[in-house]
Protein backbone atom coordinates (compact mmCIF):
# COMPACT_ATOMS: atom_id res chain seq x y z
CA MET A 1 -4.26 17.33 9.72
CA ASN A 2 -5.66 18.61 6.42
CA ASN A 3 -5.67 15.61 4.08
CA PRO A 4 -6.36 16.54 0.45
CA LEU A 5 -7.39 12.96 -0.35
CA LEU A 6 -10.30 13.14 2.11
CA GLY A 7 -11.95 16.32 0.87
CA HIS A 8 -14.08 17.43 -2.03
CA TRP A 9 -11.89 18.91 -4.73
CA GLU A 10 -12.82 22.24 -6.21
CA THR A 11 -10.71 21.51 -9.28
CA PRO A 12 -11.54 20.97 -12.94
CA PHE A 13 -13.34 17.62 -13.26
CA GLU A 14 -12.96 17.18 -9.48
CA THR A 15 -9.46 15.80 -9.92
CA PRO A 16 -7.24 15.54 -6.84
CA PRO A 17 -4.90 18.47 -6.13
CA PHE A 18 -1.75 16.44 -6.73
CA ASN A 19 0.55 19.26 -5.71
CA LEU A 20 -0.86 19.00 -2.17
CA ILE A 21 -0.75 15.20 -1.81
CA GLU A 22 2.08 13.74 0.25
CA ILE A 23 2.91 10.13 1.08
CA HIS A 24 1.58 10.42 4.65
CA HIS A 25 -1.88 11.27 3.30
CA PHE A 26 -2.44 7.82 1.79
CA ARG A 27 -2.79 5.73 4.96
CA PRO A 28 -5.54 7.86 6.58
CA ALA A 29 -7.37 8.07 3.25
CA VAL A 30 -7.26 4.30 2.76
CA ASP A 31 -8.33 3.75 6.38
CA GLU A 32 -11.29 6.09 5.84
CA ALA A 33 -12.21 4.34 2.56
CA ILE A 34 -12.14 0.95 4.30
CA LYS A 35 -14.28 2.27 7.17
CA SER A 36 -16.76 3.79 4.74
CA ALA A 37 -16.97 0.56 2.73
CA SER A 38 -17.39 -1.47 5.93
CA ASP A 39 -20.22 0.83 7.03
CA GLU A 40 -21.96 0.38 3.68
CA ILE A 41 -21.58 -3.41 3.84
CA ASN A 42 -22.79 -3.45 7.44
CA SER A 43 -25.91 -1.57 6.37
CA ILE A 44 -26.60 -4.42 3.92
CA THR A 45 -25.88 -7.24 6.39
CA ASP A 46 -27.86 -5.51 9.17
CA ASN A 47 -30.96 -5.31 6.95
CA ASN A 48 -33.73 -7.34 8.64
CA ASP A 49 -35.72 -7.83 5.44
CA PRO A 50 -35.68 -11.33 3.94
CA PRO A 51 -32.62 -11.65 1.68
CA SER A 52 -33.27 -11.00 -1.99
CA PHE A 53 -31.17 -10.22 -5.04
CA GLU A 54 -32.10 -6.54 -4.72
CA ASN A 55 -31.15 -6.09 -1.06
CA THR A 56 -27.96 -8.21 -1.19
CA VAL A 57 -26.18 -8.54 -4.53
CA ALA A 58 -27.58 -5.39 -6.15
CA ALA A 59 -27.12 -3.38 -2.95
CA LEU A 60 -23.49 -4.52 -2.72
CA ASP A 61 -22.93 -3.57 -6.36
CA ARG A 62 -24.18 -0.03 -5.64
CA THR A 63 -21.85 0.55 -2.68
CA GLY A 64 -18.98 2.99 -2.84
CA GLU A 65 -17.44 4.87 -5.66
CA LYS A 66 -14.58 3.75 -7.82
CA ILE A 67 -11.19 5.20 -6.99
CA PRO A 68 -10.19 7.67 -9.74
CA HIS A 69 -7.43 6.43 -12.04
CA GLU A 70 -5.24 9.35 -10.99
CA ILE A 71 -5.23 8.21 -7.36
CA ILE A 72 -4.56 4.61 -8.38
CA ARG A 73 -1.59 5.87 -10.40
CA LYS A 74 -0.28 7.82 -7.38
CA ILE A 75 -0.63 4.73 -5.16
CA LYS A 76 1.30 2.67 -7.70
CA GLU A 77 4.01 5.34 -7.86
CA ALA A 78 4.20 5.41 -4.07
CA SER A 79 4.69 1.63 -4.07
CA THR A 80 8.08 2.16 -5.74
CA PHE A 81 9.22 4.32 -2.83
CA ASN A 82 11.37 1.56 -1.27
CA GLU A 83 12.93 0.26 -4.49
CA GLY A 84 16.30 1.80 -3.60
CA TYR A 85 16.29 0.02 -0.25
CA VAL A 86 15.32 -3.27 -1.88
CA CYS A 87 18.07 -2.88 -4.50
CA ASN A 88 20.66 -2.19 -1.78
CA ARG A 89 19.41 -5.19 0.20
CA GLN A 90 19.76 -7.46 -2.84
CA LEU A 91 23.28 -6.17 -3.44
CA GLY A 92 24.10 -7.04 0.17
CA PHE A 93 22.88 -10.58 -0.44
CA GLY A 94 25.12 -10.74 -3.51
CA PHE A 95 28.18 -9.49 -1.60
CA LEU A 96 27.56 -12.05 1.12
CA ASP A 97 27.11 -14.83 -1.41
CA MET A 98 30.36 -13.87 -3.16
CA ALA A 99 32.19 -13.76 0.18
CA TRP A 100 31.02 -17.24 1.10
CA HIS A 101 31.93 -18.64 -2.32
CA THR A 102 35.39 -17.08 -2.43
CA VAL A 103 36.61 -18.32 0.97
CA SER A 104 39.77 -20.30 0.24
CA GLU A 105 40.59 -21.35 3.79
CA PRO A 106 38.38 -22.49 6.65
CA VAL A 107 36.95 -19.52 8.50
CA ASN A 108 37.26 -19.66 12.25
CA ILE A 109 34.73 -16.96 13.20
CA ASP A 110 31.08 -16.86 14.12
CA VAL A 111 28.80 -16.99 11.04
CA ASN A 112 26.89 -13.86 12.13
CA GLU A 113 30.16 -12.00 12.69
CA PHE A 114 31.38 -13.05 9.22
CA GLU A 115 28.17 -11.79 7.61
CA THR A 116 28.40 -8.51 9.50
CA VAL A 117 32.00 -7.94 8.41
CA VAL A 118 31.24 -8.77 4.76
CA THR A 119 28.09 -6.75 4.35
C-alpha cells in the first residue's frame, strides 16, 4: 500500500499531498509514528550512562518532530466522520423515550421487543 502520509513530500513547503490522502491512511501512519516515538524513547531508556538532565529530559525533548498543523486539521476533520451515525443514534434514543412516555395502557410485551418495534 502506498501511504502518502508515510513518505517524503516533494511539494511546496513539504506539505502533505491532501488530494492523495484517504481515511484508511491515518491508522498505519499513526501506528508508524507511535513505533518511531517508542524507538526514540527506548534509545533514551536503554542508555547505560548515568542519568543526567542532558541524556534524559533534554534527550526526550529532542525526540520526534511535531505533526504539521495541516495533518492535525485532517485528523480533526476525520473525527467528524461518524457524526451522522451518532445523530441517528441519539434520535433513536429520543423515539424510544417518547414511546415509553406516551404509553397509555400497560404493555404486555417483552421490553427488548418493545424497543425493537419502536426504534
